[in-house]
Amino acid sequence: MGMLATVMNALAVQSVLESKGVDTRVQSAIPMQTVCESYIRRRAVRHMEKGRVVIFAAGTGNPFFTTDTAAALRAVEMGCDALLKGTQVDGVYDSDPKTNPDAVRYDNLKYQDVLARDLKVMDTSAIALARDNRVPILVFSIHNPGEFSKVINGEGRFTLVD
């Protein structure tokens, strides 16, 4: 169910982007030819070379791997400059800010600090994969209008993990 939900979400994102004139492609780790393309790295690279936004769906296509790990994997495979994680809060905290009003937000963290402190921003596989391949992670809130644009311009409120 989770992998299918990510495909539905990807199609929703595609619809919004296409309505704004952005040329997109959705690629799924599980075959769904009538809905979207299957993930083929070379094809994704070609789409990006043509200026298209590629939206990856269905995680890795394998159970037991989170979408965090899939995002890190695709970021590495595609040679991305960074991995942006839009989430429920505006960065990485020392504890859950939803249950602890005194939680402290970090502006910057090292991968190793995230792992050593067992900060629950992403699973350990995703953090380790990003670390081993030097892909910085920017964690920001998806609930703040315009935040995505701000973050990709180096503005806004986020935590940089590098």
Protein backbone atom coordinates (compact mmCIF):
# COMPACT_ATOMS: atom_id res chain seq x y z
CA MET A 1 0.00 0.00 0.00
CA GLY A 2 2.83 2.41 0.85
CA MET A 3 4.53 2.10 -2.54
CA LEU A 4 1.22 2.64 -4.33
CA ALA A 5 0.53 5.71 -2.19
CA THR A 6 3.84 7.25 -3.27
CA VAL A 7 2.84 6.77 -6.91
CA MET A 8 -0.46 8.56 -6.25
CA ASN A 9 1.42 11.38 -4.50
CA ALA A 10 3.87 11.64 -7.40
CA LEU A 11 1.00 11.91 -9.87
CA ALA A 12 -0.56 14.66 -7.74
CA VAL A 13 2.74 16.58 -7.70
CA GLN A 14 3.02 16.06 -11.45
CA SER A 15 -0.47 17.47 -11.97
CA VAL A 16 0.33 20.63 -9.99
CA LEU A 17 3.65 21.18 -11.77
CA GLU A 18 2.16 20.53 -15.22
CA SER A 19 -0.64 23.02 -14.47
CA LYS A 20 2.10 25.62 -13.94
CA GLY A 21 3.75 24.78 -17.26
CA VAL A 22 6.54 22.58 -15.91
CA ASP A 23 7.35 19.58 -18.12
CA THR A 24 7.52 16.49 -15.90
CA ARG A 25 7.86 12.73 -15.94
CA VAL A 26 6.97 10.27 -13.18
CA GLN A 27 9.12 7.16 -12.89
CA SER A 28 8.08 4.27 -10.67
CA ALA A 29 10.26 1.56 -9.14
CA ILE A 30 7.37 -0.86 -9.73
CA PRO A 31 6.04 -1.33 -13.27
CA MET A 32 2.85 0.67 -13.94
CA GLN A 33 3.12 1.38 -17.67
CA THR A 34 -0.39 2.77 -18.10
CA VAL A 35 0.18 5.31 -15.31
CA CYS A 36 3.87 6.24 -15.48
CA GLU A 37 7.25 5.12 -16.73
CA SER A 38 9.30 2.45 -15.01
CA TYR A 39 12.45 3.76 -13.34
CA ILE A 40 15.39 3.56 -15.71
CA ARG A 41 18.32 5.71 -14.65
CA ARG A 42 19.51 6.48 -18.17
CA ARG A 43 16.01 7.57 -19.19
CA ALA A 44 15.72 9.78 -16.10
CA VAL A 45 19.03 11.44 -16.94
CA ARG A 46 17.84 12.03 -20.50
CA HIS A 47 14.62 13.63 -19.26
CA MET A 48 16.63 15.93 -17.02
CA GLU A 49 18.95 16.84 -19.90
CA LYS A 50 15.83 17.91 -21.80
CA GLY A 51 14.83 20.18 -18.90
CA ARG A 52 12.11 17.95 -17.51
CA VAL A 53 11.48 17.45 -13.81
CA VAL A 54 11.61 13.76 -12.93
CA ILE A 55 9.47 12.64 -9.99
CA PHE A 56 10.46 9.29 -8.53
CA ALA A 57 7.78 7.05 -7.01
CA ALA A 58 7.30 3.66 -5.33
CA GLY A 59 10.42 3.86 -3.20
CA THR A 60 13.01 1.30 -4.24
CA GLY A 61 10.30 -1.14 -5.28
CA ASN A 62 11.37 -3.46 -2.48
CA PRO A 63 9.78 -3.96 0.92
CA PHE A 64 11.72 -3.03 4.08
CA PHE A 65 13.28 0.07 2.48
CA THR A 66 11.82 3.42 3.46
CA THR A 67 11.10 6.27 1.11
CA ASP A 68 13.94 8.12 2.88
CA THR A 69 16.37 5.46 1.74
CA ALA A 70 14.87 5.51 -1.75
CA ALA A 71 15.27 9.30 -1.91
CA ALA A 72 18.91 9.05 -0.84
CA LEU A 73 19.51 6.26 -3.36
CA ARG A 74 17.97 8.22 -6.23
CA ALA A 75 19.89 11.37 -5.22
CA VAL A 76 23.14 9.39 -5.40
CA GLU A 77 22.20 7.64 -8.66
CA MET A 78 21.23 10.90 -10.34
CA GLY A 79 24.26 12.83 -9.09
CA CYS A 80 22.08 15.38 -7.30
CA ASP A 81 23.67 18.37 -5.59
CA ALA A 82 21.44 17.88 -2.53
CA LEU A 83 18.50 15.94 -1.12
CA LEU A 84 15.58 18.06 0.06
CA LYS A 85 13.37 16.49 2.70
CA GLY A 86 10.06 18.26 3.13
CA THR A 87 8.56 17.12 6.42
CA GLN A 88 6.22 18.05 9.27
CA VAL A 89 8.65 20.39 11.06
CA ASP A 90 11.04 23.13 9.92
CA GLY A 91 14.29 21.27 10.49
CA VAL A 92 16.04 18.77 12.73
CA TYR A 93 15.47 19.05 16.47
CA ASP A 94 17.13 17.45 19.50
CA SER A 95 13.73 15.95 20.40
CA ASP A 96 10.23 15.95 18.96
CA PRO A 97 9.03 19.58 18.92
CA LYS A 98 5.43 18.40 18.75
CA THR A 99 5.71 16.78 22.17
CA ASN A 100 8.53 18.86 23.69
CA PRO A 101 8.00 22.65 23.59
CA ASP A 102 11.65 23.09 24.67
CA ALA A 103 13.07 21.14 21.72
CA VAL A 104 16.07 22.85 20.14
CA ARG A 105 16.33 23.18 16.35
CA TYR A 106 19.69 22.79 14.66
CA ASP A 107 20.77 25.01 11.75
CA ASN A 108 23.53 22.61 10.73
CA LEU A 109 24.50 19.07 11.68
CA LYS A 110 27.07 16.55 10.53
CA TYR A 111 25.78 13.20 9.30
CA GLN A 112 27.67 11.50 12.11
CA ASP A 113 25.94 13.68 14.72
CA VAL A 114 22.52 12.69 13.37
CA LEU A 115 23.48 9.01 13.64
CA ALA A 116 25.27 9.26 17.00
CA ARG A 117 22.44 11.23 18.65
CA ASP A 118 19.84 8.96 17.05
CA LEU A 119 17.94 11.98 15.74
CA LYS A 120 14.87 10.66 13.98
CA VAL A 121 14.86 12.92 10.92
CA MET A 122 15.50 10.05 8.49
CA ASP A 123 16.35 6.39 8.87
CA THR A 124 19.98 5.46 9.42
CA SER A 125 20.34 3.82 5.99
CA ALA A 126 19.37 7.06 4.25
CA ILE A 127 21.72 9.17 6.39
CA ALA A 128 24.61 6.74 5.89
CA LEU A 129 24.03 6.57 2.13
CA ALA A 130 23.99 10.37 1.86
CA ARG A 131 27.09 10.62 4.05
CA ASP A 132 29.04 7.99 2.12
CA ASN A 133 28.28 9.77 -1.15
CA ARG A 134 28.56 13.34 0.15
CA VAL A 135 24.98 14.34 -0.65
CA PRO A 136 23.89 17.15 1.70
CA ILE A 137 20.36 16.93 3.12
CA LEU A 138 18.17 19.99 3.66
CA VAL A 139 15.26 19.38 6.03
CA PHE A 140 12.37 21.86 5.92
CA SER A 141 8.63 22.10 6.60
CA ILE A 142 6.23 21.30 3.78
CA HIS A 143 3.55 23.26 5.63
CA ASN A 144 5.05 26.73 5.12
CA PRO A 145 3.82 28.20 1.81
CA GLY A 146 6.70 29.02 -0.53
CA GLU A 147 9.26 27.28 1.68
CA PHE A 148 10.45 24.89 -1.02
CA SER A 149 11.39 27.82 -3.29
CA LYS A 150 13.11 29.58 -0.42
CA VAL A 151 15.13 26.51 0.53
CA ILE A 152 16.39 25.87 -3.00
CA ASN A 153 17.55 29.49 -3.02
CA GLY A 154 19.41 29.05 0.28
CA GLU A 155 16.82 31.03 2.23
CA GLY A 156 14.01 30.11 4.57
CA ARG A 157 14.10 27.88 7.61
CA PHE A 158 15.82 24.52 7.31
CA THR A 159 18.53 22.33 8.78
CA LEU A 160 21.52 21.41 6.65
CA VAL A 161 22.95 17.95 7.28
CA ASP A 162 26.37 17.53 5.69
